[in-house]
Amino acid sequence: LAAAAAIHRFVARGGMAKLLARLPGIGERARIYELSRLYLTL
């Protein structure tokens, strides 16, 4: 329960996006996913 609450706060504060951005290989794919949503919406 404590881990779930901590993960929820971490994600709500944008920490998950920052963590994924620092991971090798995954960071660039997370950025591409964000750009895809941005371009499609715009």
Full PDB file with SEQRES, HELIX, SHEET, SSBOND, CRYST1, ORIGX, SCALE, CONECT and MASTER records, all heavy atoms in Angstrom:
SEQRES   1 A   42  LEU ALA ALA ALA ALA ALA ILE HIS ARG PHE VAL ALA ARG          
SEQRES   2 A   42  GLY GLY MET ALA LYS LEU LEU ALA ARG LEU PRO GLY ILE          
SEQRES   3 A   42  GLY GLU ARG ALA ARG ILE TYR GLU LEU SER ARG LEU TYR          
SEQRES   4 A   42  LEU THR LEU                                                  
HELIX    1 AA1 ALA A    2  ALA A   12  1                                  11    
HELIX    2 AA2 GLY A   15  ARG A   22  1                                   8    
HELIX    3 AA3 ILE A   26  THR A   41  1                                  16    
CRYST1    1.000    1.000    1.000  90.00  90.00  90.00 P 1           1          
ORIGX1      1.000000  0.000000  0.000000        0.00000                         
ORIGX2      0.000000  1.000000  0.000000        0.00000                         
ORIGX3      0.000000  0.000000  1.000000        0.00000                         
SCALE1      1.000000  0.000000  0.000000        0.00000                         
SCALE2      0.000000  1.000000  0.000000        0.00000                         
SCALE3      0.000000  0.000000  1.000000        0.00000                         
ATOM      1  N   LEU A   1       0.830  -1.210   0.000  1.00  0.00           N  
ATOM      2  CA  LEU A   1       0.000   0.000   0.000  1.00  0.00           C  
ATOM      3  C   LEU A   1       0.863   1.257   0.000  1.00  0.00           C  
ATOM      4  O   LEU A   1       0.576   2.224  -0.713  1.00  0.00           O  
ATOM      5  CB  LEU A   1      -0.933  -0.010   1.206  1.00  0.00           C  
ATOM      6  CG  LEU A   1      -2.027  -1.090   1.206  1.00  0.00           C  
ATOM      7  CD1 LEU A   1      -2.805  -1.068   2.516  1.00  0.00           C  
ATOM      8  CD2 LEU A   1      -2.970  -0.878   0.032  1.00  0.00           C  
ATOM      9  N   ALA A   2       1.925   1.256   0.819  1.00  0.00           N  
ATOM     10  CA  ALA A   2       2.818   2.413   0.858  1.00  0.00           C  
ATOM     11  C   ALA A   2       3.516   2.615  -0.485  1.00  0.00           C  
ATOM     12  O   ALA A   2       3.662   3.754  -0.958  1.00  0.00           O  
ATOM     13  CB  ALA A   2       3.848   2.242   1.974  1.00  0.00           C  
ATOM     14  N   ALA A   3       3.925   1.502  -1.117  1.00  0.00           N  
ATOM     15  CA  ALA A   3       4.574   1.611  -2.420  1.00  0.00           C  
ATOM     16  C   ALA A   3       3.604   2.134  -3.468  1.00  0.00           C  
ATOM     17  O   ALA A   3       3.976   2.965  -4.311  1.00  0.00           O  
ATOM     18  CB  ALA A   3       5.130   0.252  -2.835  1.00  0.00           C  
ATOM     19  N   ALA A   4       2.347   1.661  -3.428  1.00  0.00           N  
ATOM     20  CA  ALA A   4       1.349   2.143  -4.389  1.00  0.00           C  
ATOM     21  C   ALA A   4       1.094   3.634  -4.217  1.00  0.00           C  
ATOM     22  O   ALA A   4       0.992   4.385  -5.195  1.00  0.00           O  
ATOM     23  CB  ALA A   4       0.053   1.358  -4.229  1.00  0.00           C  
ATOM     24  N   ALA A   5       0.992   4.096  -2.948  1.00  0.00           N  
ATOM     25  CA  ALA A   5       0.775   5.526  -2.701  1.00  0.00           C  
ATOM     26  C   ALA A   5       1.975   6.348  -3.165  1.00  0.00           C  
ATOM     27  O   ALA A   5       1.818   7.424  -3.762  1.00  0.00           O  
ATOM     28  CB  ALA A   5       0.513   5.758  -1.212  1.00  0.00           C  
ATOM     29  N   ALA A   6       3.173   5.844  -2.910  1.00  0.00           N  
ATOM     30  CA  ALA A   6       4.370   6.579  -3.334  1.00  0.00           C  
ATOM     31  C   ALA A   6       4.464   6.648  -4.858  1.00  0.00           C  
ATOM     32  O   ALA A   6       4.812   7.686  -5.427  1.00  0.00           O  
ATOM     33  CB  ALA A   6       5.617   5.911  -2.756  1.00  0.00           C  
ATOM     34  N   ILE A   7       4.129   5.536  -5.515  1.00  0.00           N  
ATOM     35  CA  ILE A   7       4.166   5.529  -6.983  1.00  0.00           C  
ATOM     36  C   ILE A   7       3.128   6.489  -7.545  1.00  0.00           C  
ATOM     37  O   ILE A   7       3.381   7.197  -8.525  1.00  0.00           O  
ATOM     38  CB  ILE A   7       3.946   4.103  -7.506  1.00  0.00           C  
ATOM     39  CG1 ILE A   7       5.145   3.213  -7.147  1.00  0.00           C  
ATOM     40  CG2 ILE A   7       3.726   4.094  -9.015  1.00  0.00           C  
ATOM     41  CD1 ILE A   7       4.945   1.760  -7.487  1.00  0.00           C  
ATOM     42  N   HIS A   8       1.934   6.526  -6.918  1.00  0.00           N  
ATOM     43  CA  HIS A   8       0.886   7.441  -7.384  1.00  0.00           C  
ATOM     44  C   HIS A   8       1.346   8.896  -7.271  1.00  0.00           C  
ATOM     45  O   HIS A   8       1.153   9.693  -8.203  1.00  0.00           O  
ATOM     46  CB  HIS A   8      -0.382   7.219  -6.570  1.00  0.00           C  
ATOM     47  CG  HIS A   8      -1.506   8.139  -6.936  1.00  0.00           C  
ATOM     48  ND1 HIS A   8      -2.228   8.012  -8.108  1.00  0.00           N  
ATOM     49  CD2 HIS A   8      -2.017   9.236  -6.306  1.00  0.00           C  
ATOM     50  CE1 HIS A   8      -3.140   8.962  -8.178  1.00  0.00           C  
ATOM     51  NE2 HIS A   8      -3.026   9.712  -7.100  1.00  0.00           N  
ATOM     52  N   ARG A   9       1.951   9.259  -6.145  1.00  0.00           N  
ATOM     53  CA  ARG A   9       2.457  10.632  -5.997  1.00  0.00           C  
ATOM     54  C   ARG A   9       3.583  10.904  -6.981  1.00  0.00           C  
ATOM     55  O   ARG A   9       3.678  11.995  -7.551  1.00  0.00           O  
ATOM     56  CB  ARG A   9       2.950  10.850  -4.567  1.00  0.00           C  
ATOM     57  CG  ARG A   9       1.841  10.912  -3.522  1.00  0.00           C  
ATOM     58  CD  ARG A   9       2.359  11.492  -2.219  1.00  0.00           C  
ATOM     59  NE  ARG A   9       3.427  10.678  -1.675  1.00  0.00           N  
ATOM     60  CZ  ARG A   9       3.245   9.672  -0.822  1.00  0.00           C  
ATOM     61  NH1 ARG A   9       2.010   9.360  -0.426  1.00  0.00           N  
ATOM     62  NH2 ARG A   9       4.265   8.971  -0.375  1.00  0.00           N  
ATOM     63  N   PHE A  10       4.425   9.905  -7.184  1.00  0.00           N  
ATOM     64  CA  PHE A  10       5.552  10.062  -8.110  1.00  0.00           C  
ATOM     65  C   PHE A  10       5.065  10.323  -9.527  1.00  0.00           C  
ATOM     66  O   PHE A  10       5.577  11.198 -10.231  1.00  0.00           O  
ATOM     67  CB  PHE A  10       6.410   8.793  -8.050  1.00  0.00           C  
ATOM     68  CG  PHE A  10       7.660   8.858  -8.871  1.00  0.00           C  
ATOM     69  CD1 PHE A  10       8.701   9.699  -8.518  1.00  0.00           C  
ATOM     70  CD2 PHE A  10       7.802   8.069 -10.002  1.00  0.00           C  
ATOM     71  CE1 PHE A  10       9.858   9.749  -9.276  1.00  0.00           C  
ATOM     72  CE2 PHE A  10       8.951   8.108 -10.762  1.00  0.00           C  
ATOM     73  CZ  PHE A  10       9.987   8.952 -10.398  1.00  0.00           C  
ATOM     74  N   VAL A  11       4.044   9.566  -9.953  1.00  0.00           N  
ATOM     75  CA  VAL A  11       3.497   9.739 -11.296  1.00  0.00           C  
ATOM     76  C   VAL A  11       2.761  11.070 -11.409  1.00  0.00           C  
ATOM     77  O   VAL A  11       2.858  11.772 -12.423  1.00  0.00           O  
ATOM     78  CB  VAL A  11       2.564   8.560 -11.643  1.00  0.00           C  
ATOM     79  CG1 VAL A  11       1.850   8.805 -12.966  1.00  0.00           C  
ATOM     80  CG2 VAL A  11       3.360   7.260 -11.713  1.00  0.00           C  
ATOM     81  N   ALA A  12       1.986  11.442 -10.362  1.00  0.00           N  
ATOM     82  CA  ALA A  12       1.220  12.688 -10.403  1.00  0.00           C  
ATOM     83  C   ALA A  12       2.118  13.904 -10.520  1.00  0.00           C  
ATOM     84  O   ALA A  12       1.733  14.921 -11.114  1.00  0.00           O  
ATOM     85  CB  ALA A  12       0.349  12.795  -9.157  1.00  0.00           C  
ATOM     86  N   ARG A  13       3.305  13.833  -9.970  1.00  0.00           N  
ATOM     87  CA  ARG A  13       4.237  14.967 -10.027  1.00  0.00           C  
ATOM     88  C   ARG A  13       5.113  14.954 -11.283  1.00  0.00           C  
ATOM     89  O   ARG A  13       6.021  15.769 -11.412  1.00  0.00           O  
ATOM     90  CB  ARG A  13       5.133  14.950  -8.788  1.00  0.00           C  
ATOM     91  CG  ARG A  13       4.362  15.193  -7.489  1.00  0.00           C  
ATOM     92  CD  ARG A  13       5.266  15.039  -6.286  1.00  0.00           C  
ATOM     93  NE  ARG A  13       4.540  15.238  -5.041  1.00  0.00           N  
ATOM     94  CZ  ARG A  13       5.080  15.063  -3.837  1.00  0.00           C  
ATOM     95  NH1 ARG A  13       6.339  14.671  -3.717  1.00  0.00           N  
ATOM     96  NH2 ARG A  13       4.333  15.265  -2.763  1.00  0.00           N  
ATOM     97  N   GLY A  14       4.834  14.035 -12.184  1.00  0.00           N  
ATOM     98  CA  GLY A  14       5.610  13.960 -13.414  1.00  0.00           C  
ATOM     99  C   GLY A  14       6.929  13.239 -13.281  1.00  0.00           C  
ATOM    100  O   GLY A  14       7.773  13.302 -14.181  1.00  0.00           O  
ATOM    101  N   GLY A  15       7.124  12.534 -12.170  1.00  0.00           N  
ATOM    102  CA  GLY A  15       8.387  11.843 -11.959  1.00  0.00           C  
ATOM    103  C   GLY A  15       8.588  10.660 -12.884  1.00  0.00           C  
ATOM    104  O   GLY A  15       9.716  10.353 -13.282  1.00  0.00           O  
ATOM    105  N   MET A  16       7.485   9.981 -13.242  1.00  0.00           N  
ATOM    106  CA  MET A  16       7.615   8.818 -14.125  1.00  0.00           C  
ATOM    107  C   MET A  16       8.135   9.220 -15.498  1.00  0.00           C  
ATOM    108  O   MET A  16       8.982   8.534 -16.083  1.00  0.00           O  
ATOM    109  CB  MET A  16       6.265   8.115 -14.246  1.00  0.00           C  
ATOM    110  CG  MET A  16       6.313   6.850 -15.085  1.00  0.00           C  
ATOM    111  SD  MET A  16       7.434   5.608 -14.404  1.00  0.00           S  
ATOM    112  CE  MET A  16       6.519   5.143 -12.916  1.00  0.00           C  
ATOM    113  N   ALA A  17       7.610  10.348 -16.012  1.00  0.00           N  
ATOM    114  CA  ALA A  17       8.083  10.819 -17.320  1.00  0.00           C  
ATOM    115  C   ALA A  17       9.570  11.176 -17.266  1.00  0.00           C  
ATOM    116  O   ALA A  17      10.328  10.878 -18.190  1.00  0.00           O  
ATOM    117  CB  ALA A  17       7.259  12.015 -17.773  1.00  0.00           C  
ATOM    118  N   LYS A  18      10.000  11.801 -16.163  1.00  0.00           N  
ATOM    119  CA  LYS A  18      11.414  12.158 -16.030  1.00  0.00           C  
ATOM    120  C   LYS A  18      12.288  10.913 -15.910  1.00  0.00           C  
ATOM    121  O   LYS A  18      13.386  10.859 -16.458  1.00  0.00           O  
ATOM    122  CB  LYS A  18      11.603  13.056 -14.811  1.00  0.00           C  
ATOM    123  CG  LYS A  18      10.896  14.411 -14.927  1.00  0.00           C  
ATOM    124  CD  LYS A  18      11.096  15.231 -13.676  1.00  0.00           C  
ATOM    125  CE  LYS A  18      10.365  16.570 -13.773  1.00  0.00           C  
ATOM    126  NZ  LYS A  18      10.510  17.369 -12.527  1.00  0.00           N  
ATOM    127  N   LEU A  19      11.768   9.900 -15.166  1.00  0.00           N  
ATOM    128  CA  LEU A  19      12.535   8.670 -15.010  1.00  0.00           C  
ATOM    129  C   LEU A  19      12.678   7.942 -16.334  1.00  0.00           C  
ATOM    130  O   LEU A  19      13.773   7.479 -16.691  1.00  0.00           O  
ATOM    131  CB  LEU A  19      11.847   7.769 -13.976  1.00  0.00           C  
ATOM    132  CG  LEU A  19      12.487   6.400 -13.744  1.00  0.00           C  
ATOM    133  CD1 LEU A  19      13.904   6.561 -13.209  1.00  0.00           C  
ATOM    134  CD2 LEU A  19      11.650   5.569 -12.780  1.00  0.00           C  
ATOM    135  N   LEU A  20      11.584   7.834 -17.080  1.00  0.00           N  
ATOM    136  CA  LEU A  20      11.649   7.167 -18.380  1.00  0.00           C  
ATOM    137  C   LEU A  20      12.570   7.897 -19.341  1.00  0.00           C  
ATOM    138  O   LEU A  20      13.248   7.276 -20.161  1.00  0.00           O  
ATOM    139  CB  LEU A  20      10.244   7.053 -18.975  1.00  0.00           C  
ATOM    140  CG  LEU A  20       9.269   6.112 -18.257  1.00  0.00           C  
ATOM    141  CD1 LEU A  20       7.901   6.181 -18.907  1.00  0.00           C  
ATOM    142  CD2 LEU A  20       9.784   4.688 -18.261  1.00  0.00           C  
ATOM    143  N   ALA A  21      12.585   9.231 -19.243  1.00  0.00           N  
ATOM    144  CA  ALA A  21      13.432  10.016 -20.137  1.00  0.00           C  
ATOM    145  C   ALA A  21      14.916   9.760 -19.893  1.00  0.00           C  
ATOM    146  O   ALA A  21      15.736   9.951 -20.797  1.00  0.00           O  
ATOM    147  CB  ALA A  21      13.131  11.503 -19.972  1.00  0.00           C  
ATOM    148  N   ARG A  22      15.282   9.316 -18.677  1.00  0.00           N  
ATOM    149  CA  ARG A  22      16.686   9.088 -18.361  1.00  0.00           C  
ATOM    150  C   ARG A  22      17.137   7.666 -18.657  1.00  0.00           C  
ATOM    151  O   ARG A  22      18.340   7.390 -18.657  1.00  0.00           O  
ATOM    152  CB  ARG A  22      16.932   9.391 -16.877  1.00  0.00           C  
ATOM    153  CG  ARG A  22      16.708  10.854 -16.517  1.00  0.00           C  
ATOM    154  CD  ARG A  22      16.816  11.065 -15.017  1.00  0.00           C  
ATOM    155  NE  ARG A  22      16.556  12.460 -14.647  1.00  0.00           N  
ATOM    156  CZ  ARG A  22      16.457  12.897 -13.394  1.00  0.00           C  
ATOM    157  NH1 ARG A  22      16.615  12.042 -12.392  1.00  0.00           N  
ATOM    158  NH2 ARG A  22      16.212  14.177 -13.148  1.00  0.00           N  
ATOM    159  N   LEU A  23      16.181   6.764 -18.876  1.00  0.00           N  
ATOM    160  CA  LEU A  23      16.558   5.375 -19.144  1.00  0.00           C  
ATOM    161  C   LEU A  23      17.093   5.239 -20.570  1.00  0.00           C  
ATOM    162  O   LEU A  23      16.489   5.748 -21.515  1.00  0.00           O  
ATOM    163  CB  LEU A  23      15.355   4.454 -18.959  1.00  0.00           C  
ATOM    164  CG  LEU A  23      14.795   4.352 -17.539  1.00  0.00           C  
ATOM    165  CD1 LEU A  23      13.562   3.468 -17.520  1.00  0.00           C  
ATOM    166  CD2 LEU A  23      15.846   3.810 -16.581  1.00  0.00           C  
ATOM    167  N   PRO A  24      18.213   4.548 -20.742  1.00  0.00           N  
ATOM    168  CA  PRO A  24      18.764   4.385 -22.102  1.00  0.00           C  
ATOM    169  C   PRO A  24      17.838   3.555 -22.965  1.00  0.00           C  
ATOM    170  O   PRO A  24      17.346   2.508 -22.555  1.00  0.00           O  
ATOM    171  CB  PRO A  24      20.103   3.669 -21.853  1.00  0.00           C  
ATOM    172  CG  PRO A  24      19.951   3.019 -20.510  1.00  0.00           C  
ATOM    173  CD  PRO A  24      19.039   3.889 -19.726  1.00  0.00           C  
ATOM    174  N   GLY A  25      17.594   4.022 -24.166  1.00  0.00           N  
ATOM    175  CA  GLY A  25      16.729   3.313 -25.099  1.00  0.00           C  
ATOM    176  C   GLY A  25      15.266   3.647 -24.906  1.00  0.00           C  
ATOM    177  O   GLY A  25      14.559   4.005 -25.852  1.00  0.00           O  
ATOM    178  N   ILE A  26      14.772   3.549 -23.662  1.00  0.00           N  
ATOM    179  CA  ILE A  26      13.359   3.822 -23.389  1.00  0.00           C  
ATOM    180  C   ILE A  26      13.083   5.319 -23.398  1.00  0.00           C  
ATOM    181  O   ILE A  26      11.996   5.763 -23.793  1.00  0.00           O  
ATOM    182  CB  ILE A  26      12.959   3.195 -22.041  1.00  0.00           C  
ATOM    183  CG1 ILE A  26      13.115   1.673 -22.114  1.00  0.00           C  
ATOM    184  CG2 ILE A  26      11.526   3.558 -21.669  1.00  0.00           C  
ATOM    185  CD1 ILE A  26      12.762   0.956 -20.837  1.00  0.00           C  
ATOM    186  N   GLY A  27      14.054   6.130 -22.963  1.00  0.00           N  
ATOM    187  CA  GLY A  27      13.850   7.577 -22.896  1.00  0.00           C  
ATOM    188  C   GLY A  27      13.500   8.186 -24.238  1.00  0.00           C  
ATOM    189  O   GLY A  27      12.586   9.011 -24.344  1.00  0.00           O  
ATOM    190  N   GLU A  28      14.189   7.772 -25.279  1.00  0.00           N  
ATOM    191  CA  GLU A  28      13.915   8.316 -26.603  1.00  0.00           C  
ATOM    192  C   GLU A  28      12.543   7.869 -27.103  1.00  0.00           C  
ATOM    193  O   GLU A  28      11.836   8.645 -27.756  1.00  0.00           O  
ATOM    194  CB  GLU A  28      15.000   7.847 -27.580  1.00  0.00           C  
ATOM    195  CG  GLU A  28      14.821   8.355 -29.005  1.00  0.00           C  
ATOM    196  CD  GLU A  28      14.852   9.875 -29.111  1.00  0.00           C  
ATOM    197  OE1 GLU A  28      15.429  10.526 -28.207  1.00  0.00           O  
ATOM    198  OE2 GLU A  28      14.294  10.403 -30.098  1.00  0.00           O  
ATOM    199  N   ARG A  29      12.136   6.652 -26.768  1.00  0.00           N  
ATOM    200  CA  ARG A  29      10.802   6.183 -27.185  1.00  0.00           C  
ATOM    201  C   ARG A  29       9.697   6.902 -26.431  1.00  0.00           C  
ATOM    202  O   ARG A  29       8.640   7.199 -27.005  1.00  0.00           O  
ATOM    203  CB  ARG A  29      10.686   4.672 -26.952  1.00  0.00           C  
ATOM    204  CG  ARG A  29      11.791   3.868 -27.600  1.00  0.00           C  
ATOM    205  CD  ARG A  29      11.884   4.140 -29.080  1.00  0.00           C  
ATOM    206  NE  ARG A  29      13.120   3.604 -29.644  1.00  0.00           N  
ATOM    207  CZ  ARG A  29      13.470   3.735 -30.915  1.00  0.00           C  
ATOM    208  NH1 ARG A  29      12.695   4.391 -31.745  1.00  0.00           N  
ATOM    209  NH2 ARG A  29      14.609   3.241 -31.350  1.00  0.00           N  
ATOM    210  N   ALA A  30       9.929   7.201 -25.168  1.00  0.00           N  
ATOM    211  CA  ALA A  30       8.945   7.980 -24.410  1.00  0.00           C  
ATOM    212  C   ALA A  30       8.799   9.380 -25.002  1.00  0.00           C  
ATOM    213  O   ALA A  30       7.689   9.927 -25.068  1.00  0.00           O  
ATOM    214  CB  ALA A  30       9.355   8.057 -22.941  1.00  0.00           C  
ATOM    215  N   ARG A  31       9.896   9.955 -25.428  1.00  0.00           N  
ATOM    216  CA  ARG A  31       9.844  11.277 -26.070  1.00  0.00           C  
ATOM    217  C   ARG A  31       9.079  11.202 -27.395  1.00  0.00           C  
ATOM    218  O   ARG A  31       8.279  12.094 -27.715  1.00  0.00           O  
ATOM    219  CB  ARG A  31      11.255  11.788 -26.307  1.00  0.00           C  
ATOM    220  CG  ARG A  31      11.327  13.126 -27.037  1.00  0.00           C  
ATOM    221  CD  ARG A  31      12.748  13.634 -27.081  1.00  0.00           C  
ATOM    222  NE  ARG A  31      12.847  14.842 -27.884  1.00  0.00           N  
ATOM    223  CZ  ARG A  31      13.144  14.861 -29.177  1.00  0.00           C  
ATOM    224  NH1 ARG A  31      13.379  13.713 -29.816  1.00  0.00           N  
ATOM    225  NH2 ARG A  31      13.214  15.997 -29.835  1.00  0.00           N  
ATOM    226  N   ILE A  32       9.294  10.144 -28.157  1.00  0.00           N  
ATOM    227  CA  ILE A  32       8.573   9.980 -29.425  1.00  0.00           C  
ATOM    228  C   ILE A  32       7.077   9.835 -29.172  1.00  0.00           C  
ATOM    229  O   ILE A  32       6.251  10.382 -29.920  1.00  0.00           O  
ATOM    230  CB  ILE A  32       9.138   8.764 -30.190  1.00  0.00           C  
ATOM    231  CG1 ILE A  32      10.521   9.111 -30.767  1.00  0.00           C  
ATOM    232  CG2 ILE A  32       8.198   8.333 -31.307  1.00  0.00           C  
ATOM    233  CD1 ILE A  32      11.180   7.973 -31.494  1.00  0.00           C  
ATOM    234  N   TYR A  33       6.713   9.118 -28.109  1.00  0.00           N  
ATOM    235  CA  TYR A  33       5.285   8.970 -27.776  1.00  0.00           C  
ATOM    236  C   TYR A  33       4.675  10.330 -27.447  1.00  0.00           C  
ATOM    237  O   TYR A  33       3.557  10.645 -27.876  1.00  0.00           O  
ATOM    238  CB  TYR A  33       5.135   8.009 -26.604  1.00  0.00           C  
ATOM    239  CG  TYR A  33       3.720   7.899 -26.095  1.00  0.00           C  
ATOM    240  CD1 TYR A  33       2.739   7.242 -26.834  1.00  0.00           C  
ATOM    241  CD2 TYR A  33       3.354   8.444 -24.871  1.00  0.00           C  
ATOM    242  CE1 TYR A  33       1.436   7.141 -26.376  1.00  0.00           C  
ATOM    243  CE2 TYR A  33       2.061   8.350 -24.406  1.00  0.00           C  
ATOM    244  CZ  TYR A  33       1.105   7.695 -25.158  1.00  0.00           C  
ATOM    245  OH  TYR A  33      -0.180   7.615 -24.692  1.00  0.00           O  
ATOM    246  N   GLU A  34       5.399  11.148 -26.688  1.00  0.00           N  
ATOM    247  CA  GLU A  34       4.897  12.481 -26.344  1.00  0.00           C  
ATOM    248  C   GLU A  34       4.761  13.347 -27.597  1.00  0.00           C  
ATOM    249  O   GLU A  34       3.756  14.065 -27.768  1.00  0.00           O  
ATOM    250  CB  GLU A  34       5.846  13.149 -25.349  1.00  0.00           C  
ATOM    251  CG  GLU A  34       5.781  12.582 -23.941  1.00  0.00           C  
ATOM    252  CD  GLU A  34       4.506  12.975 -23.229  1.00  0.00           C  
ATOM    253  OE1 GLU A  34       3.827  13.910 -23.699  1.00  0.00           O  
ATOM    254  OE2 GLU A  34       4.184  12.354 -22.209  1.00  0.00           O  
ATOM    255  N   LEU A  35       5.751  13.293 -28.478  1.00  0.00           N  
ATOM    256  CA  LEU A  35       5.676  14.080 -29.707  1.00  0.00           C  
ATOM    257  C   LEU A  35       4.537  13.603 -30.599  1.00  0.00           C  
ATOM    258  O   LEU A  35       3.875  14.417 -31.260  1.00  0.00           O  
ATOM    259  CB  LEU A  35       7.006  13.993 -30.462  1.00  0.00           C  
ATOM    260  CG  LEU A  35       8.207  14.692 -29.814  1.00  0.00           C  
ATOM    261  CD1 LEU A  35       9.446  14.525 -30.679  1.00  0.00           C  
ATOM    262  CD2 LEU A  35       7.927  16.176 -29.587  1.00  0.00           C  
ATOM    263  N   SER A  36       4.293  12.299 -30.610  1.00  0.00           N  
ATOM    264  CA  SER A  36       3.199  11.776 -31.414  1.00  0.00           C  
ATOM    265  C   SER A  36       1.858  12.330 -30.937  1.00  0.00           C  
ATOM    266  O   SER A  36       1.027  12.774 -31.742  1.00  0.00           O  
ATOM    267  CB  SER A  36       3.197  10.247 -31.347  1.00  0.00           C  
ATOM    268  OG  SER A  36       2.063   9.713 -31.986  1.00  0.00           O  
ATOM    269  N   ARG A  37       1.624  12.326 -29.631  1.00  0.00           N  
ATOM    270  CA  ARG A  37       0.381  12.880 -29.091  1.00  0.00           C  
ATOM    271  C   ARG A  37       0.273  14.375 -29.382  1.00  0.00           C  
ATOM    272  O   ARG A  37      -0.793  14.888 -29.739  1.00  0.00           O  
ATOM    273  CB  ARG A  37       0.310  12.649 -27.583  1.00  0.00           C  
ATOM    274  CG  ARG A  37       0.141  11.198 -27.176  1.00  0.00           C  
ATOM    275  CD  ARG A  37      -0.131  11.091 -25.705  1.00  0.00           C  
ATOM    276  NE  ARG A  37      -1.372  11.760 -25.336  1.00  0.00           N  
ATOM    277  CZ  ARG A  37      -1.765  11.975 -24.085  1.00  0.00           C  
ATOM    278  NH1 ARG A  37      -1.004  11.582 -23.088  1.00  0.00           N  
ATOM    279  NH2 ARG A  37      -2.898  12.570 -23.828  1.00  0.00           N  
ATOM    280  N   LEU A  38       1.396  15.076 -29.239  1.00  0.00           N  
ATOM    281  CA  LEU A  38       1.399  16.517 -29.494  1.00  0.00           C  
ATOM    282  C   LEU A  38       1.060  16.806 -30.947  1.00  0.00           C  
ATOM    283  O   LEU A  38       0.183  17.637 -31.246  1.00  0.00           O  
ATOM    284  CB  LEU A  38       2.772  17.091 -29.132  1.00  0.00           C  
ATOM    285  CG  LEU A  38       3.045  18.535 -29.576  1.00  0.00           C  
ATOM    286  CD1 LEU A  38       2.080  19.504 -28.903  1.00  0.00           C  
ATOM    287  CD2 LEU A  38       4.491  18.921 -29.276  1.00  0.00           C  
ATOM    288  N   TYR A  39       1.717  16.134 -31.867  1.00  0.00           N  
ATOM    289  CA  TYR A  39       1.504  16.397 -33.292  1.00  0.00           C  
ATOM    290  C   TYR A  39       0.094  15.993 -33.732  1.00  0.00           C  
ATOM    291  O   TYR A  39      -0.543  16.703 -34.513  1.00  0.00           O  
ATOM    292  CB  TYR A  39       2.531  15.634 -34.124  1.00  0.00           C  
ATOM    293  CG  TYR A  39       3.914  16.250 -34.119  1.00  0.00           C  
ATOM    294  CD1 TYR A  39       4.267  17.211 -33.175  1.00  0.00           C  
ATOM    295  CD2 TYR A  39       4.874  15.884 -35.052  1.00  0.00           C  
ATOM    296  CE1 TYR A  39       5.527  17.776 -33.165  1.00  0.00           C  
ATOM    297  CE2 TYR A  39       6.142  16.441 -35.055  1.00  0.00           C  
ATOM    298  CZ  TYR A  39       6.459  17.376 -34.099  1.00  0.00           C  
ATOM    299  OH  TYR A  39       7.701  17.945 -34.095  1.00  0.00           O  
ATOM    300  N   LEU A  40      -0.375  14.846 -33.240  1.00  0.00           N  
ATOM    301  CA  LEU A  40      -1.706  14.384 -33.642  1.00  0.00           C  
ATOM    302  C   LEU A  40      -2.790  15.343 -33.146  1.00  0.00           C  
ATOM    303  O   LEU A  40      -3.715  15.684 -33.885  1.00  0.00           O  
ATOM    304  CB  LEU A  40      -1.945  12.979 -33.097  1.00  0.00           C  
ATOM    305  CG  LEU A  40      -3.228  12.286 -33.547  1.00  0.00           C  
ATOM    306  CD1 LEU A  40      -3.273  12.158 -35.058  1.00  0.00           C  
ATOM    307  CD2 LEU A  40      -3.348  10.920 -32.891  1.00  0.00           C  
ATOM    308  N   THR A  41      -2.658  15.799 -31.901  1.00  0.00           N  
ATOM    309  CA  THR A  41      -3.657  16.723 -31.349  1.00  0.00           C  
ATOM    310  C   THR A  41      -3.600  18.065 -32.051  1.00  0.00           C  
ATOM    311  O   THR A  41      -4.638  18.631 -32.434  1.00  0.00           O  
ATOM    312  CB  THR A  41      -3.422  16.898 -29.841  1.00  0.00           C  
ATOM    313  OG1 THR A  41      -3.346  15.624 -29.208  1.00  0.00           O  
ATOM    314  CG2 THR A  41      -4.548  17.703 -29.215  1.00  0.00           C  
ATOM    315  N   LEU A  42      -2.396  18.588 -32.216  1.00  0.00           N  
ATOM    316  CA  LEU A  42      -2.253  19.887 -32.857  1.00  0.00           C  
ATOM    317  C   LEU A  42      -2.704  19.827 -34.316  1.00  0.00           C  
ATOM    318  O   LEU A  42      -3.352  20.765 -34.819  1.00  0.00           O  
ATOM    319  CB  LEU A  42      -0.795  20.344 -32.758  1.00  0.00           C  
ATOM    320  CG  LEU A  42      -0.490  21.784 -33.182  1.00  0.00           C  
ATOM    321  CD1 LEU A  42      -1.290  22.776 -32.349  1.00  0.00           C  
ATOM    322  CD2 LEU A  42       1.003  22.073 -33.042  1.00  0.00           C  
TER     323      LEU A  42                                                      
MASTER        0    0    0    3    0    0    0    6  322    1    0    4          
END                                                                             
